[in-house]
Amino acid sequence: MPYINIKITDENVTREQKEKLIQGATQLMVDVLDKNPQTTFVVIDEVNTDNWGIGYDVVTDLRAKAKK
C-alpha cells in the first residue's frame, strides 16, 4: 500500500496539474513496482513560499530577486 507525499510551493498550481501529478505518481508505482493503483495513496502538500528555504534564502525572496 504505497503512500506518496508530494510537496510543492503554493504558487498557483491548478487542479488539473494536481490531477496529473496524482495520476503520474500512481502510474510510476504501477510501472516500476507493480503496485495496485486502487491502494496507492498520493497526498499533495502545498507549502507557502515563506516556509520553504533553499540554502540561506526564503523562496519568497528568491522569487522576488528573480523578477528584477
PDB file of N, CA and C in Angstrom:
ATOM      1  N   MET A   1       0.839  -1.164   0.000  1.00  0.00           N
ATOM      2  CA  MET A   1       0.000   0.000   0.000  1.00  0.00           C
ATOM      3  C   MET A   1       0.897   1.245   0.000  1.00  0.00           C
ATOM      4  N   PRO A   2       1.333   1.708  -1.159  1.00  0.00           N
ATOM      5  CA  PRO A   2       2.218   2.870  -1.224  1.00  0.00           C
ATOM      6  C   PRO A   2       1.530   4.159  -0.772  1.00  0.00           C
ATOM      7  N   TYR A   3       2.318   4.990  -0.119  1.00  0.00           N
ATOM      8  CA  TYR A   3       1.888   6.326   0.274  1.00  0.00           C
ATOM      9  C   TYR A   3       2.919   7.286  -0.305  1.00  0.00           C
ATOM     10  N   ILE A   4       2.484   8.173  -1.176  1.00  0.00           N
ATOM     11  CA  ILE A   4       3.371   9.127  -1.841  1.00  0.00           C
ATOM     12  C   ILE A   4       2.997  10.517  -1.363  1.00  0.00           C
ATOM     13  N   ASN A   5       3.986  11.264  -0.892  1.00  0.00           N
ATOM     14  CA  ASN A   5       3.752  12.622  -0.423  1.00  0.00           C
ATOM     15  C   ASN A   5       4.537  13.580  -1.314  1.00  0.00           C
ATOM     16  N   ILE A   6       3.817  14.423  -2.044  1.00  0.00           N
ATOM     17  CA  ILE A   6       4.426  15.409  -2.927  1.00  0.00           C
ATOM     18  C   ILE A   6       4.316  16.766  -2.257  1.00  0.00           C
ATOM     19  N   LYS A   7       5.432  17.449  -2.098  1.00  0.00           N
ATOM     20  CA  LYS A   7       5.433  18.790  -1.510  1.00  0.00           C
ATOM     21  C   LYS A   7       5.824  19.785  -2.596  1.00  0.00           C
ATOM     22  N   ILE A   8       4.964  20.809  -2.759  1.00  0.00           N
ATOM     23  CA  ILE A   8       5.210  21.843  -3.754  1.00  0.00           C
ATOM     24  C   ILE A   8       4.938  23.200  -3.119  1.00  0.00           C
ATOM     25  N   THR A   9       5.516  24.242  -3.688  1.00  0.00           N
ATOM     26  CA  THR A   9       5.190  25.580  -3.206  1.00  0.00           C
ATOM     27  C   THR A   9       3.813  25.965  -3.728  1.00  0.00           C
ATOM     28  N   ASP A  10       3.136  26.796  -2.956  1.00  0.00           N
ATOM     29  CA  ASP A  10       1.751  27.172  -3.299  1.00  0.00           C
ATOM     30  C   ASP A  10       1.744  28.359  -4.266  1.00  0.00           C
ATOM     31  N   GLU A  11       2.135  28.073  -5.482  1.00  0.00           N
ATOM     32  CA  GLU A  11       2.248  29.115  -6.499  1.00  0.00           C
ATOM     33  C   GLU A  11       1.322  28.823  -7.676  1.00  0.00           C
ATOM     34  N   ASN A  12       0.025  28.923  -7.410  1.00  0.00           N
ATOM     35  CA  ASN A  12      -0.996  28.818  -8.457  1.00  0.00           C
ATOM     36  C   ASN A  12      -0.977  27.496  -9.220  1.00  0.00           C
ATOM     37  N   VAL A  13      -0.814  26.405  -8.511  1.00  0.00           N
ATOM     38  CA  VAL A  13      -0.903  25.087  -9.139  1.00  0.00           C
ATOM     39  C   VAL A  13      -2.388  24.789  -9.340  1.00  0.00           C
ATOM     40  N   THR A  14      -2.758  24.448 -10.550  1.00  0.00           N
ATOM     41  CA  THR A  14      -4.168  24.220 -10.861  1.00  0.00           C
ATOM     42  C   THR A  14      -4.613  22.823 -10.435  1.00  0.00           C
ATOM     43  N   ARG A  15      -5.918  22.654 -10.347  1.00  0.00           N
ATOM     44  CA  ARG A  15      -6.488  21.337 -10.045  1.00  0.00           C
ATOM     45  C   ARG A  15      -6.062  20.325 -11.101  1.00  0.00           C
ATOM     46  N   GLU A  16      -6.050  20.745 -12.362  1.00  0.00           N
ATOM     47  CA  GLU A  16      -5.663  19.841 -13.454  1.00  0.00           C
ATOM     48  C   GLU A  16      -4.211  19.402 -13.299  1.00  0.00           C
ATOM     49  N   GLN A  17      -3.334  20.310 -12.907  1.00  0.00           N
ATOM     50  CA  GLN A  17      -1.931  19.951 -12.698  1.00  0.00           C
ATOM     51  C   GLN A  17      -1.795  18.960 -11.542  1.00  0.00           C
ATOM     52  N   LYS A  18      -2.552  19.176 -10.478  1.00  0.00           N
ATOM     53  CA  LYS A  18      -2.514  18.256  -9.335  1.00  0.00           C
ATOM     54  C   LYS A  18      -3.024  16.882  -9.744  1.00  0.00           C
ATOM     55  N   GLU A  19      -4.081  16.846 -10.545  1.00  0.00           N
ATOM     56  CA  GLU A  19      -4.593  15.567 -11.030  1.00  0.00           C
ATOM     57  C   GLU A  19      -3.523  14.825 -11.834  1.00  0.00           C
ATOM     58  N   LYS A  20      -2.781  15.560 -12.657  1.00  0.00           N
ATOM     59  CA  LYS A  20      -1.709  14.934 -13.444  1.00  0.00           C
ATOM     60  C   LYS A  20      -0.598  14.410 -12.545  1.00  0.00           C
ATOM     61  N   LEU A  21      -0.266  15.148 -11.485  1.00  0.00           N
ATOM     62  CA  LEU A  21       0.744  14.679 -10.537  1.00  0.00           C
ATOM     63  C   LEU A  21       0.285  13.383  -9.870  1.00  0.00           C
ATOM     64  N   ILE A  22      -0.962  13.347  -9.440  1.00  0.00           N
ATOM     65  CA  ILE A  22      -1.507  12.148  -8.798  1.00  0.00           C
ATOM     66  C   ILE A  22      -1.506  10.971  -9.767  1.00  0.00           C
ATOM     67  N   GLN A  23      -1.972  11.207 -10.987  1.00  0.00           N
ATOM     68  CA  GLN A  23      -2.009  10.135 -11.986  1.00  0.00           C
ATOM     69  C   GLN A  23      -0.598   9.651 -12.327  1.00  0.00           C
ATOM     70  N   GLY A  24       0.323  10.583 -12.501  1.00  0.00           N
ATOM     71  CA  GLY A  24       1.695  10.215 -12.863  1.00  0.00           C
ATOM     72  C   GLY A  24       2.408   9.457 -11.764  1.00  0.00           C
ATOM     73  N   ALA A  25       2.251   9.907 -10.521  1.00  0.00           N
ATOM     74  CA  ALA A  25       2.897   9.221  -9.399  1.00  0.00           C
ATOM     75  C   ALA A  25       2.320   7.819  -9.220  1.00  0.00           C
ATOM     76  N   THR A  26       1.009   7.712  -9.358  1.00  0.00           N
ATOM     77  CA  THR A  26       0.369   6.397  -9.245  1.00  0.00           C
ATOM     78  C   THR A  26       0.845   5.471 -10.360  1.00  0.00           C
ATOM     79  N   GLN A  27       0.899   5.986 -11.584  1.00  0.00           N
ATOM     80  CA  GLN A  27       1.337   5.159 -12.713  1.00  0.00           C
ATOM     81  C   GLN A  27       2.779   4.707 -12.545  1.00  0.00           C
ATOM     82  N   LEU A  28       3.613   5.562 -11.971  1.00  0.00           N
ATOM     83  CA  LEU A  28       5.008   5.187 -11.720  1.00  0.00           C
ATOM     84  C   LEU A  28       5.085   3.982 -10.781  1.00  0.00           C
ATOM     85  N   MET A  29       4.257   3.973  -9.744  1.00  0.00           N
ATOM     86  CA  MET A  29       4.222   2.832  -8.822  1.00  0.00           C
ATOM     87  C   MET A  29       3.742   1.562  -9.519  1.00  0.00           C
ATOM     88  N   VAL A  30       2.780   1.718 -10.412  1.00  0.00           N
ATOM     89  CA  VAL A  30       2.281   0.571 -11.183  1.00  0.00           C
ATOM     90  C   VAL A  30       3.383   0.042 -12.091  1.00  0.00           C
ATOM     91  N   ASP A  31       4.034   0.935 -12.829  1.00  0.00           N
ATOM     92  CA  ASP A  31       5.045   0.537 -13.813  1.00  0.00           C
ATOM     93  C   ASP A  31       6.310  -0.040 -13.181  1.00  0.00           C
ATOM     94  N   VAL A  32       6.781   0.587 -12.104  1.00  0.00           N
ATOM     95  CA  VAL A  32       8.070   0.190 -11.530  1.00  0.00           C
ATOM     96  C   VAL A  32       7.931  -0.919 -10.487  1.00  0.00           C
ATOM     97  N   LEU A  33       6.908  -0.810  -9.642  1.00  0.00           N
ATOM     98  CA  LEU A  33       6.792  -1.761  -8.533  1.00  0.00           C
ATOM     99  C   LEU A  33       5.582  -2.683  -8.633  1.00  0.00           C
ATOM    100  N   ASP A  34       4.854  -2.579  -9.733  1.00  0.00           N
ATOM    101  CA  ASP A  34       3.669  -3.413  -9.954  1.00  0.00           C
ATOM    102  C   ASP A  34       2.654  -3.290  -8.816  1.00  0.00           C
ATOM    103  N   LYS A  35       2.472  -2.057  -8.336  1.00  0.00           N
ATOM    104  CA  LYS A  35       1.535  -1.796  -7.244  1.00  0.00           C
ATOM    105  C   LYS A  35       0.121  -1.601  -7.779  1.00  0.00           C
ATOM    106  N   ASN A  36      -0.837  -1.899  -6.947  1.00  0.00           N
ATOM    107  CA  ASN A  36      -2.239  -1.736  -7.295  1.00  0.00           C
ATOM    108  C   ASN A  36      -2.614  -0.256  -7.172  1.00  0.00           C
ATOM    109  N   PRO A  37      -3.089   0.376  -8.241  1.00  0.00           N
ATOM    110  CA  PRO A  37      -3.435   1.791  -8.154  1.00  0.00           C
ATOM    111  C   PRO A  37      -4.579   2.066  -7.170  1.00  0.00           C
ATOM    112  N   GLN A  38      -5.421   1.061  -6.923  1.00  0.00           N
ATOM    113  CA  GLN A  38      -6.540   1.239  -6.004  1.00  0.00           C
ATOM    114  C   GLN A  38      -6.089   1.344  -4.541  1.00  0.00           C
ATOM    115  N   THR A  39      -4.868   0.919  -4.258  1.00  0.00           N
ATOM    116  CA  THR A  39      -4.355   1.013  -2.891  1.00  0.00           C
ATOM    117  C   THR A  39      -3.130   1.916  -2.800  1.00  0.00           C
ATOM    118  N   THR A  40      -2.950   2.775  -3.799  1.00  0.00           N
ATOM    119  CA  THR A  40      -1.850   3.734  -3.811  1.00  0.00           C
ATOM    120  C   THR A  40      -2.395   5.099  -3.427  1.00  0.00           C
ATOM    121  N   PHE A  41      -1.848   5.661  -2.362  1.00  0.00           N
ATOM    122  CA  PHE A  41      -2.297   6.952  -1.847  1.00  0.00           C
ATOM    123  C   PHE A  41      -1.306   8.040  -2.229  1.00  0.00           C
ATOM    124  N   VAL A  42      -1.812   9.164  -2.747  1.00  0.00           N
ATOM    125  CA  VAL A  42      -0.977  10.306  -3.104  1.00  0.00           C
ATOM    126  C   VAL A  42      -1.536  11.530  -2.383  1.00  0.00           C
ATOM    127  N   VAL A  43      -0.663  12.209  -1.645  1.00  0.00           N
ATOM    128  CA  VAL A  43      -1.045  13.425  -0.935  1.00  0.00           C
ATOM    129  C   VAL A  43      -0.156  14.555  -1.422  1.00  0.00           C
ATOM    130  N   ILE A  44      -0.777  15.673  -1.773  1.00  0.00           N
ATOM    131  CA  ILE A  44      -0.032  16.851  -2.212  1.00  0.00           C
ATOM    132  C   ILE A  44      -0.129  17.903  -1.115  1.00  0.00           C
ATOM    133  N   ASP A  45       1.020  18.319  -0.607  1.00  0.00           N
ATOM    134  CA  ASP A  45       1.095  19.400   0.372  1.00  0.00           C
ATOM    135  C   ASP A  45       1.605  20.650  -0.334  1.00  0.00           C
ATOM    136  N   GLU A  46       0.836  21.718  -0.238  1.00  0.00           N
ATOM    137  CA  GLU A  46       1.260  22.996  -0.786  1.00  0.00           C
ATOM    138  C   GLU A  46       1.828  23.839   0.348  1.00  0.00           C
ATOM    139  N   VAL A  47       3.069  24.253   0.187  1.00  0.00           N
ATOM    140  CA  VAL A  47       3.780  24.988   1.225  1.00  0.00           C
ATOM    141  C   VAL A  47       3.947  26.436   0.780  1.00  0.00           C
ATOM    142  N   ASN A  48       3.599  27.350   1.682  1.00  0.00           N
ATOM    143  CA  ASN A  48       3.787  28.765   1.404  1.00  0.00           C
ATOM    144  C   ASN A  48       5.271  29.034   1.176  1.00  0.00           C
ATOM    145  N   THR A  49       5.591  29.890   0.221  1.00  0.00           N
ATOM    146  CA  THR A  49       6.998  30.153  -0.114  1.00  0.00           C
ATOM    147  C   THR A  49       7.759  30.804   1.039  1.00  0.00           C
ATOM    148  N   ASP A  50       7.055  31.413   2.000  1.00  0.00           N
ATOM    149  CA  ASP A  50       7.722  31.932   3.199  1.00  0.00           C
ATOM    150  C   ASP A  50       8.218  30.804   4.097  1.00  0.00           C
ATOM    151  N   ASN A  51       7.677  29.608   3.899  1.00  0.00           N
ATOM    152  CA  ASN A  51       8.031  28.450   4.723  1.00  0.00           C
ATOM    153  C   ASN A  51       8.933  27.454   4.004  1.00  0.00           C
ATOM    154  N   TRP A  52       9.526  27.872   2.895  1.00  0.00           N
ATOM    155  CA  TRP A  52      10.379  26.988   2.099  1.00  0.00           C
ATOM    156  C   TRP A  52      11.697  27.717   1.869  1.00  0.00           C
ATOM    157  N   GLY A  53      12.778  27.085   2.210  1.00  0.00           N
ATOM    158  CA  GLY A  53      14.080  27.709   2.034  1.00  0.00           C
ATOM    159  C   GLY A  53      14.981  26.894   1.145  1.00  0.00           C
ATOM    160  N   ILE A  54      15.859  27.601   0.469  1.00  0.00           N
ATOM    161  CA  ILE A  54      16.903  26.966  -0.341  1.00  0.00           C
ATOM    162  C   ILE A  54      18.210  27.624   0.076  1.00  0.00           C
ATOM    163  N   GLY A  55      19.107  26.823   0.590  1.00  0.00           N
ATOM    164  CA  GLY A  55      20.342  27.398   1.112  1.00  0.00           C
ATOM    165  C   GLY A  55      20.013  28.315   2.284  1.00  0.00           C
ATOM    166  N   TYR A  56      20.436  29.554   2.191  1.00  0.00           N
ATOM    167  CA  TYR A  56      20.199  30.521   3.263  1.00  0.00           C
ATOM    168  C   TYR A  56      18.973  31.391   3.006  1.00  0.00           C
ATOM    169  N   ASP A  57      18.293  31.187   1.892  1.00  0.00           N
ATOM    170  CA  ASP A  57      17.250  32.111   1.461  1.00  0.00           C
ATOM    171  C   ASP A  57      15.860  31.513   1.511  1.00  0.00           C
ATOM    172  N   VAL A  58      14.891  32.377   1.776  1.00  0.00           N
ATOM    173  CA  VAL A  58      13.472  32.012   1.717  1.00  0.00           C
ATOM    174  C   VAL A  58      13.039  32.104   0.254  1.00  0.00           C
ATOM    175  N   VAL A  59      12.257  31.152  -0.207  1.00  0.00           N
ATOM    176  CA  VAL A  59      11.855  31.100  -1.614  1.00  0.00           C
ATOM    177  C   VAL A  59      11.123  32.377  -2.038  1.00  0.00           C
ATOM    178  N   THR A  60      10.331  32.966  -1.152  1.00  0.00           N
ATOM    179  CA  THR A  60       9.645  34.218  -1.487  1.00  0.00           C
ATOM    180  C   THR A  60      10.652  35.269  -1.940  1.00  0.00           C
ATOM    181  N   ASP A  61      11.755  35.381  -1.211  1.00  0.00           N
ATOM    182  CA  ASP A  61      12.801  36.364  -1.551  1.00  0.00           C
ATOM    183  C   ASP A  61      13.496  35.981  -2.865  1.00  0.00           C
ATOM    184  N   LEU A  62      13.757  34.711  -3.040  1.00  0.00           N
ATOM    185  CA  LEU A  62      14.401  34.252  -4.267  1.00  0.00           C
ATOM    186  C   LEU A  62      13.535  34.558  -5.492  1.00  0.00           C
ATOM    187  N   ARG A  63      12.212  34.340  -5.373  1.00  0.00           N
ATOM    188  CA  ARG A  63      11.309  34.628  -6.484  1.00  0.00           C
ATOM    189  C   ARG A  63      11.292  36.130  -6.790  1.00  0.00           C
ATOM    190  N   ALA A  64      11.299  36.958  -5.738  1.00  0.00           N
ATOM    191  CA  ALA A  64      11.308  38.410  -5.924  1.00  0.00           C
ATOM    192  C   ALA A  64      12.577  38.872  -6.619  1.00  0.00           C
ATOM    193  N   LYS A  65      13.720  38.313  -6.213  1.00  0.00           N
ATOM    194  CA  LYS A  65      15.000  38.668  -6.851  1.00  0.00           C
ATOM    195  C   LYS A  65      15.041  38.246  -8.309  1.00  0.00           C
ATOM    196  N   ALA A  66      14.437  37.114  -8.619  1.00  0.00           N
ATOM    197  CA  ALA A  66      14.429  36.599  -9.993  1.00  0.00           C
ATOM    198  C   ALA A  66      13.603  37.471 -10.932  1.00  0.00           C
ATOM    199  N   LYS A  67      12.614  38.172 -10.390  1.00  0.00           N
ATOM    200  CA  LYS A  67      11.745  39.013 -11.215  1.00  0.00           C
ATOM    201  C   LYS A  67      12.382  40.349 -11.547  1.00  0.00           C
ATOM    202  N   LYS A  68      13.452  40.716 -10.848  1.00  0.00           N
ATOM    203  CA  LYS A  68      14.108  42.028 -11.069  1.00  0.00           C
ATOM    204  C   LYS A  68      14.921  42.043 -12.331  1.00  0.00           C
TER     205      LYS A  68
END
